[in-house]
Amino acid sequence: MARSLLSLTMPGDKLTNVSTFQDRAIGKAIYTKTCLARHRATGLRIPNAFPPLAKSDYLNKDTNRAIKAVMNELHGPITVNGIKINSLCQRKT
């Protein structure tokens, strides 16, 4: 089994280039550390608080959005699956 990599090029604090190669173990560890509390193990939303990640039209339109949100923060409002949400995805270090 080939190992996969997540490669980020970050001048200063801003993410400018994202190249991903999927690795379930690495992805699960990152999700557990940075996303689990707000988006649950299933990736479903917490009503009136945080948007869903699972089956999210917002994320599926641009697959790098999730990485950018974790690296640079994401400030609302955004519309996900027809639901307007105004919350903050804080930068994780």
PDB file of N, CA and C in Angstrom:
ATOM      1  N   MET A   1       0.843  -1.170   0.000  1.00  0.00           N
ATOM      2  CA  MET A   1       0.000   0.000   0.000  1.00  0.00           C
ATOM      3  C   MET A   1       0.892   1.238   0.000  1.00  0.00           C
ATOM      4  N   ALA A   2       0.666   2.153  -0.918  1.00  0.00           N
ATOM      5  CA  ALA A   2       1.448   3.373  -0.998  1.00  0.00           C
ATOM      6  C   ALA A   2       1.007   4.354   0.078  1.00  0.00           C
ATOM      7  N   ARG A   3       1.962   5.049   0.675  1.00  0.00           N
ATOM      8  CA  ARG A   3       1.632   6.079   1.647  1.00  0.00           C
ATOM      9  C   ARG A   3       1.218   7.330   0.904  1.00  0.00           C
ATOM     10  N   SER A   4       0.348   8.091   1.512  1.00  0.00           N
ATOM     11  CA  SER A   4      -0.142   9.305   0.880  1.00  0.00           C
ATOM     12  C   SER A   4       0.357  10.525   1.633  1.00  0.00           C
ATOM     13  N   LEU A   5       0.290  11.661   0.967  1.00  0.00           N
ATOM     14  CA  LEU A   5       0.837  12.886   1.523  1.00  0.00           C
ATOM     15  C   LEU A   5      -0.153  14.025   1.449  1.00  0.00           C
ATOM     16  N   LEU A   6      -0.015  14.963   2.351  1.00  0.00           N
ATOM     17  CA  LEU A   6      -0.715  16.234   2.281  1.00  0.00           C
ATOM     18  C   LEU A   6       0.369  17.280   2.181  1.00  0.00           C
ATOM     19  N   SER A   7       0.398  18.022   1.098  1.00  0.00           N
ATOM     20  CA  SER A   7       1.446  18.999   0.872  1.00  0.00           C
ATOM     21  C   SER A   7       0.853  20.390   0.876  1.00  0.00           C
ATOM     22  N   LEU A   8       1.387  21.260   1.711  1.00  0.00           N
ATOM     23  CA  LEU A   8       0.902  22.633   1.803  1.00  0.00           C
ATOM     24  C   LEU A   8       2.056  23.589   1.566  1.00  0.00           C
ATOM     25  N   THR A   9       1.821  24.618   0.795  1.00  0.00           N
ATOM     26  CA  THR A   9       2.791  25.683   0.616  1.00  0.00           C
ATOM     27  C   THR A   9       2.209  26.914   1.263  1.00  0.00           C
ATOM     28  N   MET A  10       2.867  27.406   2.311  1.00  0.00           N
ATOM     29  CA  MET A  10       2.297  28.507   3.079  1.00  0.00           C
ATOM     30  C   MET A  10       3.307  29.630   3.265  1.00  0.00           C
ATOM     31  N   PRO A  11       3.287  30.673   2.419  1.00  0.00           N
ATOM     32  CA  PRO A  11       4.106  31.842   2.715  1.00  0.00           C
ATOM     33  C   PRO A  11       3.398  32.641   3.795  1.00  0.00           C
ATOM     34  N   GLY A  12       4.052  32.904   4.871  1.00  0.00           N
ATOM     35  CA  GLY A  12       3.397  33.575   5.995  1.00  0.00           C
ATOM     36  C   GLY A  12       2.362  32.646   6.586  1.00  0.00           C
ATOM     37  N   ASP A  13       1.173  33.156   6.830  1.00  0.00           N
ATOM     38  CA  ASP A  13       0.105  32.356   7.419  1.00  0.00           C
ATOM     39  C   ASP A  13      -0.960  31.935   6.417  1.00  0.00           C
ATOM     40  N   LYS A  14      -0.852  32.335   5.165  1.00  0.00           N
ATOM     41  CA  LYS A  14      -1.925  32.075   4.209  1.00  0.00           C
ATOM     42  C   LYS A  14      -1.633  30.874   3.330  1.00  0.00           C
ATOM     43  N   LEU A  15      -2.622  30.032   3.207  1.00  0.00           N
ATOM     44  CA  LEU A  15      -2.532  28.859   2.350  1.00  0.00           C
ATOM     45  C   LEU A  15      -2.685  29.307   0.905  1.00  0.00           C
ATOM     46  N   THR A  16      -1.725  28.948   0.069  1.00  0.00           N
ATOM     47  CA  THR A  16      -1.810  29.371  -1.328  1.00  0.00           C
ATOM     48  C   THR A  16      -1.876  28.204  -2.294  1.00  0.00           C
ATOM     49  N   ASN A  17      -1.375  27.052  -1.908  1.00  0.00           N
ATOM     50  CA  ASN A  17      -1.369  25.912  -2.817  1.00  0.00           C
ATOM     51  C   ASN A  17      -1.647  24.648  -2.020  1.00  0.00           C
ATOM     52  N   VAL A  18      -2.618  23.876  -2.458  1.00  0.00           N
ATOM     53  CA  VAL A  18      -2.964  22.651  -1.743  1.00  0.00           C
ATOM     54  C   VAL A  18      -2.883  21.490  -2.726  1.00  0.00           C
ATOM     55  N   SER A  19      -2.127  20.481  -2.367  1.00  0.00           N
ATOM     56  CA  SER A  19      -2.035  19.272  -3.157  1.00  0.00           C
ATOM     57  C   SER A  19      -2.309  18.108  -2.223  1.00  0.00           C
ATOM     58  N   THR A  20      -3.351  17.343  -2.475  1.00  0.00           N
ATOM     59  CA  THR A  20      -3.723  16.285  -1.549  1.00  0.00           C
ATOM     60  C   THR A  20      -3.673  14.919  -2.195  1.00  0.00           C
ATOM     61  N   PHE A  21      -3.281  13.950  -1.419  1.00  0.00           N
ATOM     62  CA  PHE A  21      -3.327  12.551  -1.772  1.00  0.00           C
ATOM     63  C   PHE A  21      -3.943  11.859  -0.571  1.00  0.00           C
ATOM     64  N   GLN A  22      -5.068  11.233  -0.742  1.00  0.00           N
ATOM     65  CA  GLN A  22      -5.838  10.731   0.379  1.00  0.00           C
ATOM     66  C   GLN A  22      -5.132   9.619   1.144  1.00  0.00           C
ATOM     67  N   ASP A  23      -5.196   9.718   2.447  1.00  0.00           N
ATOM     68  CA  ASP A  23      -4.718   8.701   3.375  1.00  0.00           C
ATOM     69  C   ASP A  23      -5.710   8.697   4.533  1.00  0.00           C
ATOM     70  N   ARG A  24      -6.468   7.628   4.675  1.00  0.00           N
ATOM     71  CA  ARG A  24      -7.524   7.575   5.690  1.00  0.00           C
ATOM     72  C   ARG A  24      -7.018   7.798   7.107  1.00  0.00           C
ATOM     73  N   ALA A  25      -5.891   7.224   7.471  1.00  0.00           N
ATOM     74  CA  ALA A  25      -5.392   7.351   8.840  1.00  0.00           C
ATOM     75  C   ALA A  25      -5.035   8.801   9.163  1.00  0.00           C
ATOM     76  N   ILE A  26      -4.359   9.467   8.237  1.00  0.00           N
ATOM     77  CA  ILE A  26      -3.988  10.865   8.453  1.00  0.00           C
ATOM     78  C   ILE A  26      -5.241  11.729   8.473  1.00  0.00           C
ATOM     79  N   GLY A  27      -6.144  11.515   7.534  1.00  0.00           N
ATOM     80  CA  GLY A  27      -7.379  12.291   7.481  1.00  0.00           C
ATOM     81  C   GLY A  27      -8.216  12.123   8.737  1.00  0.00           C
ATOM     82  N   LYS A  28      -8.317  10.897   9.226  1.00  0.00           N
ATOM     83  CA  LYS A  28      -9.094  10.639  10.443  1.00  0.00           C
ATOM     84  C   LYS A  28      -8.477  11.347  11.646  1.00  0.00           C
ATOM     85  N   ALA A  29      -7.159  11.329  11.746  1.00  0.00           N
ATOM     86  CA  ALA A  29      -6.482  11.996  12.861  1.00  0.00           C
ATOM     87  C   ALA A  29      -6.710  13.505  12.822  1.00  0.00           C
ATOM     88  N   ILE A  30      -6.615  14.095  11.641  1.00  0.00           N
ATOM     89  CA  ILE A  30      -6.847  15.538  11.508  1.00  0.00           C
ATOM     90  C   ILE A  30      -8.290  15.868  11.837  1.00  0.00           C
ATOM     91  N   TYR A  31      -9.241  15.084  11.316  1.00  0.00           N
ATOM     92  CA  TYR A  31     -10.658  15.326  11.581  1.00  0.00           C
ATOM     93  C   TYR A  31     -10.956  15.205  13.073  1.00  0.00           C
ATOM     94  N   THR A  32     -10.421  14.179  13.717  1.00  0.00           N
ATOM     95  CA  THR A  32     -10.653  13.970  15.141  1.00  0.00           C
ATOM     96  C   THR A  32     -10.132  15.149  15.953  1.00  0.00           C
ATOM     97  N   LYS A  33      -8.975  15.650  15.599  1.00  0.00           N
ATOM     98  CA  LYS A  33      -8.360  16.753  16.342  1.00  0.00           C
ATOM     99  C   LYS A  33      -9.033  18.089  16.086  1.00  0.00           C
ATOM    100  N   THR A  34      -9.439  18.350  14.846  1.00  0.00           N
ATOM    101  CA  THR A  34      -9.874  19.700  14.496  1.00  0.00           C
ATOM    102  C   THR A  34     -11.365  19.872  14.234  1.00  0.00           C
ATOM    103  N   CYS A  35     -12.082  18.813  13.910  1.00  0.00           N
ATOM    104  CA  CYS A  35     -13.450  18.974  13.427  1.00  0.00           C
ATOM    105  C   CYS A  35     -14.504  18.224  14.240  1.00  0.00           C
ATOM    106  N   LEU A  36     -14.119  17.171  14.896  1.00  0.00           N
ATOM    107  CA  LEU A  36     -15.066  16.249  15.526  1.00  0.00           C
ATOM    108  C   LEU A  36     -16.024  16.928  16.499  1.00  0.00           C
ATOM    109  N   ALA A  37     -15.533  17.804  17.341  1.00  0.00           N
ATOM    110  CA  ALA A  37     -16.379  18.428  18.359  1.00  0.00           C
ATOM    111  C   ALA A  37     -17.517  19.240  17.748  1.00  0.00           C
ATOM    112  N   ARG A  38     -17.277  19.864  16.613  1.00  0.00           N
ATOM    113  CA  ARG A  38     -18.296  20.725  16.001  1.00  0.00           C
ATOM    114  C   ARG A  38     -19.126  20.021  14.940  1.00  0.00           C
ATOM    115  N   HIS A  39     -18.557  19.033  14.298  1.00  0.00           N
ATOM    116  CA  HIS A  39     -19.246  18.412  13.170  1.00  0.00           C
ATOM    117  C   HIS A  39     -19.585  16.945  13.395  1.00  0.00           C
ATOM    118  N   ARG A  40     -19.318  16.447  14.597  1.00  0.00           N
ATOM    119  CA  ARG A  40     -19.662  15.086  15.002  1.00  0.00           C
ATOM    120  C   ARG A  40     -18.922  14.027  14.174  1.00  0.00           C
ATOM    121  N   ALA A  41     -18.972  12.815  14.641  1.00  0.00           N
ATOM    122  CA  ALA A  41     -18.293  11.711  13.950  1.00  0.00           C
ATOM    123  C   ALA A  41     -18.873  11.460  12.567  1.00  0.00           C
ATOM    124  N   THR A  42     -20.140  11.790  12.392  1.00  0.00           N
ATOM    125  CA  THR A  42     -20.814  11.546  11.117  1.00  0.00           C
ATOM    126  C   THR A  42     -20.626  12.676  10.115  1.00  0.00           C
ATOM    127  N   GLY A  43     -20.136  13.822  10.561  1.00  0.00           N
ATOM    128  CA  GLY A  43     -20.008  14.978   9.678  1.00  0.00           C
ATOM    129  C   GLY A  43     -21.301  15.735   9.501  1.00  0.00           C
ATOM    130  N   LEU A  44     -22.328  15.356  10.251  1.00  0.00           N
ATOM    131  CA  LEU A  44     -23.618  16.039  10.165  1.00  0.00           C
ATOM    132  C   LEU A  44     -23.588  17.319  10.983  1.00  0.00           C
ATOM    133  N   ARG A  45     -24.500  18.184  10.718  1.00  0.00           N
ATOM    134  CA  ARG A  45     -24.490  19.496  11.349  1.00  0.00           C
ATOM    135  C   ARG A  45     -25.032  19.461  12.764  1.00  0.00           C
ATOM    136  N   ILE A  46     -24.625  20.455  13.538  1.00  0.00           N
ATOM    137  CA  ILE A  46     -25.252  20.745  14.810  1.00  0.00           C
ATOM    138  C   ILE A  46     -26.186  21.904  14.511  1.00  0.00           C
ATOM    139  N   PRO A  47     -27.502  21.675  14.554  1.00  0.00           N
ATOM    140  CA  PRO A  47     -28.463  22.700  14.143  1.00  0.00           C
ATOM    141  C   PRO A  47     -28.226  24.051  14.814  1.00  0.00           C
ATOM    142  N   ASN A  48     -28.348  25.110  14.036  1.00  0.00           N
ATOM    143  CA  ASN A  48     -28.195  26.496  14.478  1.00  0.00           C
ATOM    144  C   ASN A  48     -26.805  26.820  15.000  1.00  0.00           C
ATOM    145  N   ALA A  49     -25.826  25.981  14.692  1.00  0.00           N
ATOM    146  CA  ALA A  49     -24.479  26.253  15.180  1.00  0.00           C
ATOM    147  C   ALA A  49     -23.424  26.053  14.095  1.00  0.00           C
ATOM    148  N   PHE A  50     -23.307  24.829  13.584  1.00  0.00           N
ATOM    149  CA  PHE A  50     -22.251  24.517  12.634  1.00  0.00           C
ATOM    150  C   PHE A  50     -22.820  23.777  11.431  1.00  0.00           C
ATOM    151  N   PRO A  51     -22.247  24.028  10.240  1.00  0.00           N
ATOM    152  CA  PRO A  51     -22.765  23.392   9.029  1.00  0.00           C
ATOM    153  C   PRO A  51     -22.347  21.927   8.925  1.00  0.00           C
ATOM    154  N   PRO A  52     -23.065  21.156   8.116  1.00  0.00           N
ATOM    155  CA  PRO A  52     -22.645  19.774   7.887  1.00  0.00           C
ATOM    156  C   PRO A  52     -21.419  19.733   6.981  1.00  0.00           C
ATOM    157  N   LEU A  53     -20.597  18.739   7.172  1.00  0.00           N
ATOM    158  CA  LEU A  53     -19.501  18.475   6.252  1.00  0.00           C
ATOM    159  C   LEU A  53     -19.884  17.334   5.318  1.00  0.00           C
ATOM    160  N   ALA A  54     -20.624  16.373   5.853  1.00  0.00           N
ATOM    161  CA  ALA A  54     -21.075  15.229   5.056  1.00  0.00           C
ATOM    162  C   ALA A  54     -22.096  15.705   4.025  1.00  0.00           C
ATOM    163  N   LYS A  55     -21.891  15.309   2.793  1.00  0.00           N
ATOM    164  CA  LYS A  55     -22.791  15.653   1.686  1.00  0.00           C
ATOM    165  C   LYS A  55     -23.006  17.161   1.559  1.00  0.00           C
ATOM    166  N   SER A  56     -21.971  17.928   1.821  1.00  0.00           N
ATOM    167  CA  SER A  56     -22.047  19.381   1.779  1.00  0.00           C
ATOM    168  C   SER A  56     -21.850  19.887   0.354  1.00  0.00           C
ATOM    169  N   ASP A  57     -22.857  20.568  -0.188  1.00  0.00           N
ATOM    170  CA  ASP A  57     -22.705  21.141  -1.521  1.00  0.00           C
ATOM    171  C   ASP A  57     -21.629  22.221  -1.534  1.00  0.00           C
ATOM    172  N   TYR A  58     -21.492  22.939  -0.447  1.00  0.00           N
ATOM    173  CA  TYR A  58     -20.494  23.998  -0.329  1.00  0.00           C
ATOM    174  C   TYR A  58     -19.078  23.436  -0.468  1.00  0.00           C
ATOM    175  N   LEU A  59     -18.792  22.334   0.213  1.00  0.00           N
ATOM    176  CA  LEU A  59     -17.458  21.735   0.143  1.00  0.00           C
ATOM    177  C   LEU A  59     -17.247  20.963  -1.152  1.00  0.00           C
ATOM    178  N   ASN A  60     -18.286  20.335  -1.663  1.00  0.00           N
ATOM    179  CA  ASN A  60     -18.148  19.555  -2.892  1.00  0.00           C
ATOM    180  C   ASN A  60     -17.897  20.421  -4.121  1.00  0.00           C
ATOM    181  N   LYS A  61     -18.292  21.695  -4.073  1.00  0.00           N
ATOM    182  CA  LYS A  61     -18.016  22.604  -5.191  1.00  0.00           C
ATOM    183  C   LYS A  61     -16.534  22.917  -5.310  1.00  0.00           C
ATOM    184  N   ASP A  62     -15.822  22.887  -4.197  1.00  0.00           N
ATOM    185  CA  ASP A  62     -14.385  23.159  -4.181  1.00  0.00           C
ATOM    186  C   ASP A  62     -13.779  22.278  -3.092  1.00  0.00           C
ATOM    187  N   THR A  63     -13.145  21.192  -3.492  1.00  0.00           N
ATOM    188  CA  THR A  63     -12.662  20.206  -2.527  1.00  0.00           C
ATOM    189  C   THR A  63     -11.549  20.736  -1.631  1.00  0.00           C
ATOM    190  N   ASN A  64     -10.945  21.851  -1.968  1.00  0.00           N
ATOM    191  CA  ASN A  64      -9.912  22.440  -1.116  1.00  0.00           C
ATOM    192  C   ASN A  64     -10.480  23.351  -0.039  1.00  0.00           C
ATOM    193  N   ARG A  65     -11.773  23.652  -0.081  1.00  0.00           N
ATOM    194  CA  ARG A  65     -12.372  24.553   0.902  1.00  0.00           C
ATOM    195  C   ARG A  65     -12.201  24.058   2.336  1.00  0.00           C
ATOM    196  N   ALA A  66     -12.361  22.785   2.567  1.00  0.00           N
ATOM    197  CA  ALA A  66     -12.231  22.257   3.930  1.00  0.00           C
ATOM    198  C   ALA A  66     -10.816  22.481   4.455  1.00  0.00           C
ATOM    199  N   ILE A  67      -9.819  22.217   3.620  1.00  0.00           N
ATOM    200  CA  ILE A  67      -8.428  22.412   4.030  1.00  0.00           C
ATOM    201  C   ILE A  67      -8.169  23.885   4.288  1.00  0.00           C
ATOM    202  N   LYS A  68      -8.623  24.739   3.390  1.00  0.00           N
ATOM    203  CA  LYS A  68      -8.429  26.177   3.562  1.00  0.00           C
ATOM    204  C   LYS A  68      -9.109  26.680   4.833  1.00  0.00           C
ATOM    205  N   ALA A  69     -10.290  26.162   5.140  1.00  0.00           N
ATOM    206  CA  ALA A  69     -11.005  26.585   6.349  1.00  0.00           C
ATOM    207  C   ALA A  69     -10.221  26.217   7.602  1.00  0.00           C
ATOM    208  N   VAL A  70      -9.663  25.030   7.627  1.00  0.00           N
ATOM    209  CA  VAL A  70      -8.898  24.581   8.790  1.00  0.00           C
ATOM    210  C   VAL A  70      -7.601  25.386   8.916  1.00  0.00           C
ATOM    211  N   MET A  71      -6.963  25.684   7.801  1.00  0.00           N
ATOM    212  CA  MET A  71      -5.681  26.390   7.834  1.00  0.00           C
ATOM    213  C   MET A  71      -5.812  27.900   8.024  1.00  0.00           C
ATOM    214  N   ASN A  72      -6.851  28.512   7.454  1.00  0.00           N
ATOM    215  CA  ASN A  72      -6.948  29.974   7.420  1.00  0.00           C
ATOM    216  C   ASN A  72      -8.150  30.553   8.148  1.00  0.00           C
ATOM    217  N   GLU A  73      -9.018  29.755   8.664  1.00  0.00           N
ATOM    218  CA  GLU A  73     -10.316  30.125   9.242  1.00  0.00           C
ATOM    219  C   GLU A  73     -11.342  30.356   8.132  1.00  0.00           C
ATOM    220  N   LEU A  74     -12.560  30.198   8.492  1.00  0.00           N
ATOM    221  CA  LEU A  74     -13.669  30.449   7.583  1.00  0.00           C
ATOM    222  C   LEU A  74     -14.702  31.264   8.350  1.00  0.00           C
ATOM    223  N   HIS A  75     -14.972  32.454   7.869  1.00  0.00           N
ATOM    224  CA  HIS A  75     -15.941  33.329   8.500  1.00  0.00           C
ATOM    225  C   HIS A  75     -17.232  33.290   7.700  1.00  0.00           C
ATOM    226  N   GLY A  76     -18.381  33.141   8.382  1.00  0.00           N
ATOM    227  CA  GLY A  76     -19.672  33.140   7.708  1.00  0.00           C
ATOM    228  C   GLY A  76     -20.055  34.540   7.324  1.00  0.00           C
ATOM    229  N   PRO A  77     -21.221  34.741   6.771  1.00  0.00           N
ATOM    230  CA  PRO A  77     -22.195  33.678   6.517  1.00  0.00           C
ATOM    231  C   PRO A  77     -21.894  32.898   5.236  1.00  0.00           C
ATOM    232  N   ILE A  78     -22.272  31.634   5.254  1.00  0.00           N
ATOM    233  CA  ILE A  78     -22.191  30.782   4.076  1.00  0.00           C
ATOM    234  C   ILE A  78     -23.514  30.035   3.949  1.00  0.00           C
ATOM    235  N   THR A  79     -23.781  29.510   2.772  1.00  0.00           N
ATOM    236  CA  THR A  79     -24.977  28.701   2.566  1.00  0.00           C
ATOM    237  C   THR A  79     -24.533  27.290   2.228  1.00  0.00           C
ATOM    238  N   VAL A  80     -24.992  26.332   3.033  1.00  0.00           N
ATOM    239  CA  VAL A  80     -24.644  24.933   2.852  1.00  0.00           C
ATOM    240  C   VAL A  80     -25.930  24.136   2.742  1.00  0.00           C
ATOM    241  N   ASN A  81     -26.087  23.452   1.638  1.00  0.00           N
ATOM    242  CA  ASN A  81     -27.289  22.647   1.384  1.00  0.00           C
ATOM    243  C   ASN A  81     -28.571  23.459   1.587  1.00  0.00           C
ATOM    244  N   GLY A  82     -28.529  24.720   1.141  1.00  0.00           N
ATOM    245  CA  GLY A  82     -29.693  25.580   1.210  1.00  0.00           C
ATOM    246  C   GLY A  82     -29.940  26.225   2.566  1.00  0.00           C
ATOM    247  N   ILE A  83     -29.052  26.013   3.531  1.00  0.00           N
ATOM    248  CA  ILE A  83     -29.218  26.561   4.878  1.00  0.00           C
ATOM    249  C   ILE A  83     -28.145  27.616   5.101  1.00  0.00           C
ATOM    250  N   LYS A  84     -28.567  28.854   5.452  1.00  0.00           N
ATOM    251  CA  LYS A  84     -27.612  29.919   5.753  1.00  0.00           C
ATOM    252  C   LYS A  84     -27.077  29.719   7.163  1.00  0.00           C
ATOM    253  N   ILE A  85     -25.756  29.774   7.269  1.00  0.00           N
ATOM    254  CA  ILE A  85     -25.099  29.590   8.565  1.00  0.00           C
ATOM    255  C   ILE A  85     -24.073  30.693   8.719  1.00  0.00           C
ATOM    256  N   ASN A  86     -24.091  31.345   9.885  1.00  0.00           N
ATOM    257  CA  ASN A  86     -23.147  32.406  10.169  1.00  0.00           C
ATOM    258  C   ASN A  86     -22.341  32.012  11.401  1.00  0.00           C
ATOM    259  N   SER A  87     -21.254  31.310  11.160  1.00  0.00           N
ATOM    260  CA  SER A  87     -20.404  30.862  12.256  1.00  0.00           C
ATOM    261  C   SER A  87     -18.957  30.970  11.832  1.00  0.00           C
ATOM    262  N   LEU A  88     -18.064  30.553  12.706  1.00  0.00           N
ATOM    263  CA  LEU A  88     -16.643  30.662  12.461  1.00  0.00           C
ATOM    264  C   LEU A  88     -15.991  29.302  12.585  1.00  0.00           C
ATOM    265  N   CYS A  89     -15.196  28.959  11.593  1.00  0.00           N
ATOM    266  CA  CYS A  89     -14.321  27.793  11.690  1.00  0.00           C
ATOM    267  C   CYS A  89     -12.952  28.364  12.019  1.00  0.00           C
ATOM    268  N   GLN A  90     -12.533  28.205  13.261  1.00  0.00           N
ATOM    269  CA  GLN A  90     -11.282  28.802  13.702  1.00  0.00           C
ATOM    270  C   GLN A  90     -10.079  28.053  13.158  1.00  0.00           C
ATOM    271  N   ARG A  91      -9.039  28.812  12.918  1.00  0.00           N
ATOM    272  CA  ARG A  91      -7.785  28.231  12.417  1.00  0.00           C
ATOM    273  C   ARG A  91      -7.223  27.286  13.460  1.00  0.00           C
ATOM    274  N   LYS A  92      -6.775  26.138  13.009  1.00  0.00           N
ATOM    275  CA  LYS A  92      -6.176  25.152  13.907  1.00  0.00           C
ATOM    276  C   LYS A  92      -4.669  25.172  13.720  1.00  0.00           C
ATOM    277  N   THR A  93      -3.951  25.124  14.815  1.00  0.00           N
ATOM    278  CA  THR A  93      -2.493  25.130  14.733  1.00  0.00           C
ATOM    279  C   THR A  93      -1.928  23.838  15.246  1.00  0.00           C
TER     280      THR A  93
END
